[in-house]
């Protein structure tokens, strides 16, 4: 081999070594070191933690806002009910004031009946209904029995008197009706002649 061939051959070898070094170097540069992996994982953990803290704060704000909205809705509901009931109360006060100076008891009773009708109409507009009781079968979901008595006029299990009316709002029971329920006819007592 001549000197020029050797020089060319050695240049080829050096170029190949450099090319291989360039191929190896970028591959080593692409593969992250353990420190770089750790730093990347810590950065990801910090981003996730920050996101969780934001989500927790958002949820806390949502909970507070929901609570305020519920309280506001309850306040508005009470306000609407009071606005509907205040005229009834005003008329009741007027009836009480006129009852003291009224010469006729019948006119006072008529005034009270009118106010009671106004009250029932107001409840009806609100969707509040009176629970039917007298003459109906006893229903423990809407009636509260406070007494059972024997009755020849009513079969057992039928409401014969209402002590306090009950009310419902849609399907929601506001107050159960306090009622007296029939036991049925009295059991016949043995006569004294049969006992001897």
N, C-alpha and C. Protein backbone atom coordinates (compact mmCIF):
# COMPACT_ATOMS: atom_id res chain seq x y z
N UNK A 1 0.81 -1.15 0.00
CA UNK A 1 0.00 0.00 0.00
C UNK A 1 0.87 1.24 0.00
N UNK A 2 0.45 2.14 -0.81
CA UNK A 2 1.23 3.34 -0.91
C UNK A 2 0.86 4.28 0.21
N UNK A 3 1.69 5.33 0.30
CA UNK A 3 1.43 6.28 1.38
C UNK A 3 0.10 6.98 1.16
N UNK A 4 -0.21 7.27 -0.07
CA UNK A 4 -1.46 7.96 -0.33
C UNK A 4 -2.65 7.06 -0.03
N UNK A 5 -2.49 5.77 -0.27
CA UNK A 5 -3.58 4.84 0.04
C UNK A 5 -3.75 4.72 1.54
N UNK A 6 -2.59 4.70 2.25
CA UNK A 6 -2.66 4.59 3.71
C UNK A 6 -3.33 5.84 4.29
N UNK A 7 -2.99 6.97 3.74
CA UNK A 7 -3.56 8.22 4.26
C UNK A 7 -5.07 8.22 3.98
N UNK A 8 -5.46 7.81 2.80
CA UNK A 8 -6.88 7.75 2.46
C UNK A 8 -7.61 6.75 3.32
N UNK A 9 -6.96 5.62 3.57
CA UNK A 9 -7.56 4.58 4.39
C UNK A 9 -7.70 5.06 5.81
N UNK A 10 -6.69 5.76 6.31
CA UNK A 10 -6.77 6.22 7.69
C UNK A 10 -7.81 7.34 7.80
N UNK A 11 -7.97 8.14 6.73
CA UNK A 11 -8.99 9.18 6.75
C UNK A 11 -10.37 8.55 6.77
N UNK A 12 -10.52 7.46 5.99
CA UNK A 12 -11.81 6.76 5.99
C UNK A 12 -12.11 6.20 7.37
N UNK A 13 -11.13 5.67 8.02
CA UNK A 13 -11.32 5.10 9.34
C UNK A 13 -11.67 6.18 10.34
N UNK A 14 -11.01 7.31 10.23
CA UNK A 14 -11.30 8.42 11.16
C UNK A 14 -12.72 8.95 10.91
N UNK A 15 -13.11 9.06 9.62
CA UNK A 15 -14.45 9.54 9.29
C UNK A 15 -15.51 8.57 9.79
N UNK A 16 -15.23 7.28 9.66
CA UNK A 16 -16.19 6.28 10.15
C UNK A 16 -16.29 6.36 11.67
N UNK A 17 -15.16 6.57 12.35
CA UNK A 17 -15.16 6.67 13.81
C UNK A 17 -15.94 7.90 14.25
N UNK A 18 -15.73 9.01 13.50
CA UNK A 18 -16.45 10.23 13.84
C UNK A 18 -17.96 10.05 13.60
N UNK A 19 -18.32 9.40 12.50
CA UNK A 19 -19.73 9.16 12.19
C UNK A 19 -20.36 8.29 13.26
N UNK A 20 -19.61 7.25 13.67
CA UNK A 20 -20.15 6.39 14.74
C UNK A 20 -20.28 7.17 16.04
N UNK A 21 -19.31 8.05 16.31
CA UNK A 21 -19.36 8.85 17.54
C UNK A 21 -20.57 9.78 17.48
N UNK A 22 -20.84 10.36 16.27
CA UNK A 22 -22.00 11.24 16.13
C UNK A 22 -23.30 10.46 16.33
N UNK A 23 -23.35 9.23 15.83
CA UNK A 23 -24.53 8.39 16.00
C UNK A 23 -24.70 8.04 17.47
N UNK A 24 -23.59 7.71 18.15
CA UNK A 24 -23.67 7.31 19.55
C UNK A 24 -24.00 8.51 20.42
N UNK A 25 -23.39 9.67 20.14
CA UNK A 25 -23.62 10.84 20.98
C UNK A 25 -25.09 11.27 20.99
N UNK A 26 -25.74 11.40 19.79
CA UNK A 26 -27.14 11.81 19.86
C UNK A 26 -27.99 10.78 20.60
N UNK A 27 -27.72 9.54 20.48
CA UNK A 27 -28.48 8.52 21.20
C UNK A 27 -28.30 8.70 22.69
N UNK A 28 -27.06 9.01 23.11
CA UNK A 28 -26.82 9.23 24.54
C UNK A 28 -27.48 10.53 24.99
N UNK A 29 -27.52 11.52 24.12
CA UNK A 29 -28.14 12.78 24.47
C UNK A 29 -29.66 12.62 24.61
N UNK A 30 -30.29 11.76 23.83
CA UNK A 30 -31.74 11.54 23.90
C UNK A 30 -32.13 10.77 25.15
N UNK A 31 -31.33 9.88 25.61
CA UNK A 31 -31.66 9.11 26.81
C UNK A 31 -31.40 9.98 28.04
N UNK A 32 -32.50 10.32 28.82
CA UNK A 32 -32.30 11.20 29.97
C UNK A 32 -31.56 10.47 31.09
N UNK A 33 -30.86 11.26 31.86
CA UNK A 33 -30.13 10.69 32.99
C UNK A 33 -31.13 10.49 34.13
N UNK A 34 -30.71 9.81 35.15
CA UNK A 34 -31.57 9.59 36.32
C UNK A 34 -31.97 10.90 36.97
N UNK A 35 -31.04 11.85 37.02
CA UNK A 35 -31.35 13.15 37.62
C UNK A 35 -32.44 13.87 36.81
N UNK A 36 -32.33 13.77 35.48
CA UNK A 36 -33.32 14.40 34.63
C UNK A 36 -34.68 13.73 34.80
N UNK A 37 -34.69 12.41 34.90
CA UNK A 37 -35.95 11.68 35.12
C UNK A 37 -36.56 12.09 36.45
N UNK A 38 -35.71 12.21 37.48
CA UNK A 38 -36.19 12.60 38.81
C UNK A 38 -36.77 14.00 38.76
N UNK A 39 -36.08 14.91 38.13
CA UNK A 39 -36.56 16.29 38.04
C UNK A 39 -37.89 16.35 37.28
N UNK A 40 -38.00 15.58 36.21
CA UNK A 40 -39.24 15.55 35.44
C UNK A 40 -40.39 14.99 36.27
N UNK A 41 -40.13 13.93 37.03
CA UNK A 41 -41.16 13.32 37.88
C UNK A 41 -41.57 14.30 38.99
N UNK A 42 -40.60 15.01 39.56
CA UNK A 42 -40.93 15.98 40.61
C UNK A 42 -41.76 17.13 40.04
N UNK A 43 -41.43 17.57 38.83
CA UNK A 43 -42.20 18.64 38.19
C UNK A 43 -43.63 18.16 37.92
N UNK A 44 -43.77 16.93 37.45
CA UNK A 44 -45.12 16.37 37.21
C UNK A 44 -45.90 16.25 38.52
N UNK A 45 -45.23 15.82 39.58
CA UNK A 45 -45.88 15.71 40.89
C UNK A 45 -46.32 17.09 41.37
N UNK A 46 -45.49 18.09 41.17
CA UNK A 46 -45.86 19.45 41.58
C UNK A 46 -47.06 19.96 40.78
N UNK A 47 -47.10 19.68 39.47
CA UNK A 47 -48.25 20.08 38.65
C UNK A 47 -49.52 19.38 39.11
N UNK A 48 -49.41 18.08 39.39
CA UNK A 48 -50.57 17.31 39.85
C UNK A 48 -51.05 17.82 41.21
N UNK A 49 -50.13 18.11 42.11
CA UNK A 49 -50.49 18.63 43.43
C UNK A 49 -51.20 19.97 43.30
N UNK A 50 -50.67 20.84 42.45
CA UNK A 50 -51.28 22.15 42.22
C UNK A 50 -52.69 22.00 41.63
N UNK A 51 -52.85 21.06 40.72
CA UNK A 51 -54.16 20.81 40.11
C UNK A 51 -55.14 20.28 41.16
N UNK A 52 -54.67 19.38 42.02
CA UNK A 52 -55.54 18.85 43.08
C UNK A 52 -55.94 19.95 44.06
N UNK A 53 -55.00 20.84 44.40
CA UNK A 53 -55.33 21.94 45.30
C UNK A 53 -56.36 22.87 44.66
N UNK A 54 -56.23 23.14 43.37
CA UNK A 54 -57.21 23.97 42.68
C UNK A 54 -58.57 23.29 42.67
N UNK A 55 -58.59 21.98 42.41
CA UNK A 55 -59.85 21.24 42.39
C UNK A 55 -60.50 21.25 43.78
N UNK A 56 -59.69 21.06 44.82
CA UNK A 56 -60.23 21.09 46.19
C UNK A 56 -60.79 22.47 46.51
N UNK A 57 -60.10 23.52 46.11
CA UNK A 57 -60.59 24.88 46.35
C UNK A 57 -61.87 25.14 45.57
N UNK A 58 -61.92 24.68 44.33
CA UNK A 58 -63.14 24.84 43.52
C UNK A 58 -64.31 24.12 44.17
N UNK A 59 -64.07 22.91 44.68
CA UNK A 59 -65.14 22.14 45.33
C UNK A 59 -65.61 22.84 46.60
N UNK A 60 -64.66 23.38 47.37
CA UNK A 60 -65.03 24.08 48.59
C UNK A 60 -65.88 25.31 48.26
N UNK A 61 -65.49 26.05 47.23
CA UNK A 61 -66.27 27.21 46.79
C UNK A 61 -67.66 26.80 46.32
N UNK A 62 -67.73 25.68 45.59
CA UNK A 62 -69.02 25.16 45.12
C UNK A 62 -69.92 24.81 46.30
N UNK A 63 -69.33 24.15 47.30
CA UNK A 63 -70.12 23.75 48.48
C UNK A 63 -70.66 24.99 49.21
N UNK A 64 -69.81 26.00 49.39
CA UNK A 64 -70.24 27.23 50.07
C UNK A 64 -71.32 27.94 49.26
N UNK A 65 -71.14 28.01 47.93
CA UNK A 65 -72.13 28.66 47.08
C UNK A 65 -73.46 27.91 47.12
N UNK A 66 -73.39 26.57 47.09
CA UNK A 66 -74.62 25.77 47.16
C UNK A 66 -75.35 25.99 48.47
N UNK A 67 -74.60 26.03 49.56
CA UNK A 67 -75.22 26.26 50.88
C UNK A 67 -75.90 27.63 50.92
N UNK A 68 -75.23 28.65 50.38
CA UNK A 68 -75.83 29.99 50.35
C UNK A 68 -77.10 30.00 49.50
N UNK A 69 -77.06 29.30 48.36
CA UNK A 69 -78.23 29.26 47.48
C UNK A 69 -79.40 28.56 48.16
N UNK A 70 -79.12 27.48 48.89
CA UNK A 70 -80.19 26.76 49.60
C UNK A 70 -80.78 27.66 50.68
N UNK A 71 -79.91 28.34 51.44
CA UNK A 71 -80.41 29.23 52.50
C UNK A 71 -81.23 30.36 51.90
N UNK A 72 -80.79 30.90 50.77
CA UNK A 72 -81.52 31.98 50.11
C UNK A 72 -82.89 31.48 49.61
N UNK A 73 -82.92 30.27 49.06
CA UNK A 73 -84.19 29.70 48.57
C UNK A 73 -85.15 29.47 49.74
N UNK A 74 -84.63 29.00 50.86
CA UNK A 74 -85.49 28.80 52.04
C UNK A 74 -86.03 30.13 52.54
N UNK A 75 -85.18 31.15 52.58
CA UNK A 75 -85.61 32.46 53.03
C UNK A 75 -86.71 33.02 52.11
N UNK A 76 -86.49 32.88 50.78
CA UNK A 76 -87.50 33.37 49.83
C UNK A 76 -88.80 32.60 49.98
N UNK A 77 -88.72 31.29 50.23
CA UNK A 77 -89.92 30.48 50.43
C UNK A 77 -90.71 30.93 51.65
N UNK A 78 -90.00 31.16 52.75
CA UNK A 78 -90.67 31.64 53.96
C UNK A 78 -91.30 33.01 53.72
N UNK A 79 -90.58 33.85 53.00
CA UNK A 79 -91.08 35.18 52.70
C UNK A 79 -92.37 35.12 51.88
N UNK A 80 -92.40 34.25 50.87
CA UNK A 80 -93.60 34.11 50.05
C UNK A 80 -94.79 33.60 50.86
N UNK A 81 -94.53 32.63 51.73
CA UNK A 81 -95.60 32.09 52.57
C UNK A 81 -96.14 33.18 53.49
N UNK A 82 -95.23 33.92 54.10
CA UNK A 82 -95.68 34.99 55.01
C UNK A 82 -96.49 36.05 54.27
N UNK A 83 -96.06 36.40 53.06
CA UNK A 83 -96.82 37.40 52.29
C UNK A 83 -98.23 36.91 52.02
N UNK A 84 -98.40 35.61 51.80
CA UNK A 84 -99.74 35.05 51.56
C UNK A 84 -100.56 34.98 52.84
N UNK A 85 -99.90 34.72 53.97
CA UNK A 85 -100.64 34.53 55.22
C UNK A 85 -100.92 35.82 55.99
N UNK A 86 -100.12 36.86 55.76
CA UNK A 86 -100.32 38.10 56.51
C UNK A 86 -101.71 38.72 56.31
N UNK A 87 -102.28 38.70 55.11
CA UNK A 87 -103.65 39.24 55.00
C UNK A 87 -104.67 38.46 55.85
N UNK A 88 -104.48 37.16 55.95
CA UNK A 88 -105.37 36.35 56.78
C UNK A 88 -105.23 36.78 58.24
N UNK A 89 -103.99 36.96 58.67
CA UNK A 89 -103.74 37.40 60.05
C UNK A 89 -104.33 38.78 60.29
N UNK A 90 -104.17 39.69 59.31
CA UNK A 90 -104.74 41.04 59.45
C UNK A 90 -106.25 40.97 59.64
N UNK A 91 -106.92 40.14 58.84
CA UNK A 91 -108.38 40.01 58.98
C UNK A 91 -108.77 39.36 60.30
N UNK A 92 -107.97 38.45 60.77
CA UNK A 92 -108.25 37.82 62.06
C UNK A 92 -108.14 38.85 63.19
N UNK A 93 -107.13 39.71 63.11
CA UNK A 93 -106.99 40.78 64.11
C UNK A 93 -108.18 41.73 64.06
N UNK A 94 -108.62 42.08 62.84
CA UNK A 94 -109.79 42.95 62.70
C UNK A 94 -111.03 42.30 63.32
N UNK A 95 -111.19 41.01 63.07
CA UNK A 95 -112.36 40.29 63.63
C UNK A 95 -112.30 40.30 65.15
N UNK A 96 -111.11 40.09 65.71
CA UNK A 96 -110.98 40.10 67.17
C UNK A 96 -111.29 41.48 67.74
N UNK A 97 -110.84 42.52 67.05
CA UNK A 97 -111.10 43.90 67.51
C UNK A 97 -112.58 44.21 67.46
N UNK A 98 -113.25 43.83 66.38
CA UNK A 98 -114.69 44.10 66.24
C UNK A 98 -115.53 43.19 67.14
N UNK A 99 -115.01 42.06 67.53
CA UNK A 99 -115.77 41.14 68.39
C UNK A 99 -116.04 41.78 69.74
N UNK A 100 -115.12 42.60 70.21
CA UNK A 100 -115.30 43.23 71.53
C UNK A 100 -116.46 44.23 71.53
N UNK A 101 -116.67 44.90 70.39
CA UNK A 101 -117.72 45.93 70.36
C UNK A 101 -118.96 45.49 69.56
N UNK A 102 -118.96 44.28 69.03
CA UNK A 102 -120.09 43.83 68.21
C UNK A 102 -121.29 43.51 69.09
N UNK A 103 -122.46 44.03 68.70
CA UNK A 103 -123.65 43.75 69.50
C UNK A 103 -124.21 42.35 69.24
N UNK A 104 -123.86 41.76 68.09
CA UNK A 104 -124.44 40.49 67.70
C UNK A 104 -123.36 39.42 67.57
N UNK A 105 -123.52 38.33 68.26
CA UNK A 105 -122.55 37.24 68.22
C UNK A 105 -122.55 36.58 66.84
N UNK A 106 -123.70 36.57 66.18
CA UNK A 106 -123.78 35.96 64.86
C UNK A 106 -122.87 36.66 63.86
N UNK A 107 -122.79 37.97 63.92
CA UNK A 107 -121.94 38.71 62.98
C UNK A 107 -120.46 38.40 63.24
N UNK A 108 -120.08 38.22 64.49
CA UNK A 108 -118.71 37.86 64.83
C UNK A 108 -118.40 36.45 64.31
N UNK A 109 -119.32 35.53 64.52
CA UNK A 109 -119.12 34.16 64.04
C UNK A 109 -119.00 34.15 62.52
N UNK A 110 -119.81 34.95 61.84
CA UNK A 110 -119.75 35.02 60.38
C UNK A 110 -118.40 35.59 59.93
N UNK A 111 -117.91 36.60 60.63
CA UNK A 111 -116.60 37.18 60.30
C UNK A 111 -115.48 36.17 60.47
N UNK A 112 -115.54 35.38 61.55
CA UNK A 112 -114.52 34.36 61.78
C UNK A 112 -114.60 33.29 60.70
N UNK A 113 -115.81 32.91 60.29
CA UNK A 113 -115.96 31.92 59.21
C UNK A 113 -115.36 32.44 57.90
N UNK A 114 -115.54 33.72 57.62
CA UNK A 114 -114.97 34.32 56.41
C UNK A 114 -113.44 34.27 56.46
N UNK A 115 -112.88 34.59 57.61
CA UNK A 115 -111.42 34.56 57.76
C UNK A 115 -110.91 33.12 57.63
N UNK A 116 -111.62 32.17 58.21
CA UNK A 116 -111.21 30.76 58.10
C UNK A 116 -111.25 30.32 56.64
N UNK A 117 -112.27 30.74 55.89
CA UNK A 117 -112.35 30.41 54.47
C UNK A 117 -111.20 31.04 53.70
N UNK A 118 -110.86 32.28 54.05
CA UNK A 118 -109.73 32.95 53.41
C UNK A 118 -108.44 32.18 53.68
N UNK A 119 -108.30 31.68 54.90
CA UNK A 119 -107.11 30.91 55.26
C UNK A 119 -107.04 29.61 54.45
N UNK A 120 -108.15 28.90 54.34
CA UNK A 120 -108.20 27.65 53.58
C UNK A 120 -107.89 27.92 52.10
N UNK A 121 -108.44 29.01 51.56
CA UNK A 121 -108.16 29.38 50.16
C UNK A 121 -106.68 29.70 49.95
N UNK A 122 -106.08 30.38 50.92
CA UNK A 122 -104.65 30.72 50.84
C UNK A 122 -103.81 29.45 50.85
N UNK A 123 -104.13 28.52 51.73
CA UNK A 123 -103.41 27.25 51.78
C UNK A 123 -103.56 26.50 50.46
N UNK A 124 -104.76 26.53 49.93
CA UNK A 124 -105.02 25.84 48.65
C UNK A 124 -104.17 26.43 47.52
N UNK A 125 -104.04 27.75 47.48
CA UNK A 125 -103.19 28.39 46.46
C UNK A 125 -101.73 27.98 46.63
N UNK A 126 -101.32 27.71 47.84
CA UNK A 126 -99.94 27.28 48.11
C UNK A 126 -99.73 25.81 47.78
N UNK A 127 -100.82 25.09 47.51
CA UNK A 127 -100.71 23.66 47.23
C UNK A 127 -100.84 22.79 48.48
N UNK A 128 -101.23 23.42 49.58
CA UNK A 128 -101.39 22.69 50.85
C UNK A 128 -102.85 22.25 50.96
N UNK A 129 -103.05 20.96 51.10
CA UNK A 129 -104.40 20.40 51.16
C UNK A 129 -104.66 19.80 52.54
N UNK A 130 -105.92 19.91 52.95
CA UNK A 130 -106.35 19.29 54.20
C UNK A 130 -106.58 17.81 53.95
N UNK A 131 -106.15 16.97 54.88
CA UNK A 131 -106.31 15.52 54.74
C UNK A 131 -107.73 15.13 55.13
N UNK A 132 -108.45 14.46 54.24
CA UNK A 132 -109.80 14.01 54.60
C UNK A 132 -109.71 12.98 55.72
N UNK A 133 -110.61 13.09 56.68
CA UNK A 133 -110.50 12.18 57.82
C UNK A 133 -111.84 11.53 58.18
N UNK A 134 -112.82 12.30 58.63
CA UNK A 134 -114.07 11.74 59.16
C UNK A 134 -114.78 10.93 58.08
N UNK A 135 -115.12 9.67 58.45
CA UNK A 135 -115.82 8.76 57.55
C UNK A 135 -114.88 7.97 56.65
N UNK A 136 -113.60 8.27 56.69
CA UNK A 136 -112.62 7.56 55.85
C UNK A 136 -111.97 6.44 56.66
N UNK A 137 -111.49 5.40 55.98
CA UNK A 137 -110.75 4.36 56.71
C UNK A 137 -109.47 4.93 57.31
N UNK A 138 -109.12 4.47 58.49
CA UNK A 138 -107.91 4.94 59.16
C UNK A 138 -106.69 4.59 58.30
N UNK A 139 -105.84 5.58 58.04
CA UNK A 139 -104.62 5.40 57.24
C UNK A 139 -103.45 5.90 58.08
N UNK A 140 -102.61 4.99 58.59
CA UNK A 140 -101.52 5.42 59.49
C UNK A 140 -100.48 6.32 58.81
N UNK A 141 -100.50 6.41 57.48
CA UNK A 141 -99.54 7.29 56.82
C UNK A 141 -99.95 8.76 56.90
N UNK A 142 -101.26 9.02 57.12
CA UNK A 142 -101.73 10.41 57.20
C UNK A 142 -102.58 10.70 58.44
N UNK A 143 -102.94 9.66 59.18
CA UNK A 143 -103.74 9.84 60.40
C UNK A 143 -102.95 9.39 61.61
N UNK A 144 -103.19 10.07 62.73
CA UNK A 144 -102.61 9.67 64.00
C UNK A 144 -103.77 9.40 64.96
N UNK A 145 -103.96 8.14 65.32
CA UNK A 145 -105.07 7.77 66.21
C UNK A 145 -104.71 8.14 67.64
N UNK A 146 -105.59 8.94 68.27
CA UNK A 146 -105.34 9.29 69.66
C UNK A 146 -106.33 8.59 70.59
N UNK A 147 -107.34 7.96 69.97
CA UNK A 147 -108.33 7.24 70.77
C UNK A 147 -109.08 6.27 69.88
N UNK A 148 -109.51 5.15 70.48
CA UNK A 148 -110.40 4.19 69.81
C UNK A 148 -111.62 4.03 70.69
N UNK A 149 -112.77 4.16 70.07
CA UNK A 149 -114.01 3.98 70.85
C UNK A 149 -114.96 3.06 70.09
N UNK A 150 -115.84 2.43 70.85
CA UNK A 150 -116.84 1.55 70.24
C UNK A 150 -117.91 2.40 69.59
N UNK A 151 -118.41 1.94 68.45
CA UNK A 151 -119.44 2.69 67.74
C UNK A 151 -120.37 1.72 67.02
N UNK A 152 -121.65 1.94 67.21
CA UNK A 152 -122.63 1.13 66.49
C UNK A 152 -122.89 1.71 65.10
N UNK A 153 -122.53 2.96 64.91
CA UNK A 153 -122.78 3.63 63.63
C UNK A 153 -121.66 3.43 62.61
N UNK A 154 -120.44 3.14 63.07
CA UNK A 154 -119.29 3.03 62.16
C UNK A 154 -118.61 1.67 62.33
N UNK A 155 -118.18 1.05 61.24
CA UNK A 155 -117.45 -0.22 61.36
C UNK A 155 -116.05 0.03 61.94
N UNK A 156 -115.42 -1.02 62.36
CA UNK A 156 -114.08 -0.91 62.95
C UNK A 156 -113.10 -0.36 61.91
N UNK A 157 -112.17 0.50 62.38
CA UNK A 157 -111.14 1.04 61.51
C UNK A 157 -111.52 2.28 60.74
N UNK A 158 -112.70 2.85 61.02
CA UNK A 158 -113.14 4.06 60.33
C UNK A 158 -112.99 5.24 61.28
N UNK A 159 -112.52 6.37 60.74
CA UNK A 159 -112.35 7.59 61.54
C UNK A 159 -113.73 8.16 61.82
N UNK A 160 -114.02 8.36 63.12
CA UNK A 160 -115.34 8.89 63.48
C UNK A 160 -115.28 10.35 63.95
N UNK A 161 -114.08 10.84 64.28
CA UNK A 161 -113.95 12.24 64.69
C UNK A 161 -112.53 12.72 64.40
N UNK A 162 -112.44 14.03 64.10
CA UNK A 162 -111.13 14.65 63.86
C UNK A 162 -110.86 15.63 64.99
N UNK A 163 -109.79 15.41 65.72
CA UNK A 163 -109.43 16.29 66.82
C UNK A 163 -108.61 17.47 66.31
N UNK A 164 -107.71 17.18 65.38
CA UNK A 164 -106.87 18.22 64.78
C UNK A 164 -106.66 17.87 63.31
N UNK A 165 -106.91 18.82 62.40
CA UNK A 165 -106.75 18.49 60.98
C UNK A 165 -105.29 18.27 60.59
N UNK A 166 -105.11 17.47 59.55
CA UNK A 166 -103.77 17.24 59.02
C UNK A 166 -103.67 17.87 57.64
N UNK A 167 -102.43 18.12 57.21
CA UNK A 167 -102.21 18.79 55.93
C UNK A 167 -101.07 18.13 55.17
N UNK A 168 -101.20 18.15 53.83
CA UNK A 168 -100.15 17.63 52.96
C UNK A 168 -99.80 18.70 51.92
N UNK A 169 -98.57 18.66 51.46
CA UNK A 169 -98.10 19.53 50.39
C UNK A 169 -97.59 18.60 49.31
N UNK A 170 -98.41 18.39 48.28
CA UNK A 170 -98.06 17.41 47.26
C UNK A 170 -98.08 16.02 47.88
N UNK A 171 -96.95 15.34 47.87
CA UNK A 171 -96.85 14.03 48.51
C UNK A 171 -96.21 14.12 49.89
N UNK A 172 -95.86 15.33 50.33
CA UNK A 172 -95.17 15.52 51.60
C UNK A 172 -96.17 15.78 52.72
N UNK A 173 -96.10 14.98 53.77
CA UNK A 173 -96.99 15.13 54.92
C UNK A 173 -96.46 16.26 55.80
N UNK A 174 -97.23 17.33 55.93
CA UNK A 174 -96.84 18.44 56.81
C UNK A 174 -97.18 18.09 58.24
N UNK A 175 -98.43 17.62 58.45
CA UNK A 175 -98.87 17.23 59.78
C UNK A 175 -99.96 16.18 59.64
N UNK A 176 -99.83 15.10 60.41
CA UNK A 176 -100.85 14.05 60.39
C UNK A 176 -102.11 14.55 61.10
N UNK A 177 -103.26 14.06 60.66
CA UNK A 177 -104.52 14.41 61.30
C UNK A 177 -104.67 13.58 62.58
N UNK A 178 -104.98 14.24 63.68
CA UNK A 178 -105.23 13.53 64.94
C UNK A 178 -106.70 13.12 64.94
N UNK A 179 -106.95 11.81 65.05
CA UNK A 179 -108.31 11.31 64.88
C UNK A 179 -108.71 10.31 65.96
N UNK A 180 -110.03 10.13 66.02
CA UNK A 180 -110.62 9.10 66.88
C UNK A 180 -111.13 8.02 65.93
N UNK A 181 -110.78 6.77 66.22
CA UNK A 181 -111.10 5.65 65.33
C UNK A 181 -112.10 4.72 66.00
N UNK A 182 -113.01 4.18 65.20
CA UNK A 182 -114.02 3.26 65.69
C UNK A 182 -113.42 1.87 65.93
N UNK A 183 -113.85 1.26 67.05
CA UNK A 183 -113.50 -0.14 67.32
C UNK A 183 -114.56 -1.07 66.73
N UNK A 184 -115.66 -0.48 66.33
CA UNK A 184 -116.79 -1.28 65.86
C UNK A 184 -117.85 -1.33 66.94
N UNK A 185 -118.91 -2.12 66.73
CA UNK A 185 -119.97 -2.19 67.75
C UNK A 185 -119.45 -2.86 69.02
N UNK A 186 -120.05 -2.48 70.15
CA UNK A 186 -119.60 -3.09 71.41
C UNK A 186 -119.90 -4.59 71.42
N UNK A 187 -119.03 -5.31 72.07
CA UNK A 187 -119.25 -6.76 72.20
C UNK A 187 -120.43 -6.94 73.13
N UNK A 188 -121.32 -7.87 72.78
CA UNK A 188 -122.51 -8.08 73.62
C UNK A 188 -122.07 -8.72 74.93
N UNK A 189 -122.58 -8.14 76.02
CA UNK A 189 -122.24 -8.66 77.34
C UNK A 189 -123.20 -9.81 77.68
N UNK A 190 -122.66 -10.80 78.31
CA UNK A 190 -123.57 -11.88 78.70
C UNK A 190 -124.56 -11.38 79.74
N UNK A 191 -125.82 -11.77 79.58
CA UNK A 191 -126.84 -11.32 80.53
C UNK A 191 -126.67 -12.07 81.85
N UNK A 192 -127.26 -11.54 82.92
CA UNK A 192 -127.12 -12.13 84.25
C UNK A 192 -127.85 -13.48 84.32
N UNK A 193 -128.89 -13.68 83.54
CA UNK A 193 -129.61 -14.95 83.58
C UNK A 193 -128.77 -16.05 82.95
N UNK A 194 -127.94 -15.69 81.95
CA UNK A 194 -127.08 -16.71 81.33
C UNK A 194 -125.94 -17.08 82.23
N UNK A 195 -125.55 -16.15 83.10
CA UNK A 195 -124.40 -16.39 83.98
C UNK A 195 -124.79 -17.39 85.05
N UNK A 196 -126.06 -17.45 85.47
CA UNK A 196 -126.49 -18.35 86.54
C UNK A 196 -126.75 -19.68 86.04
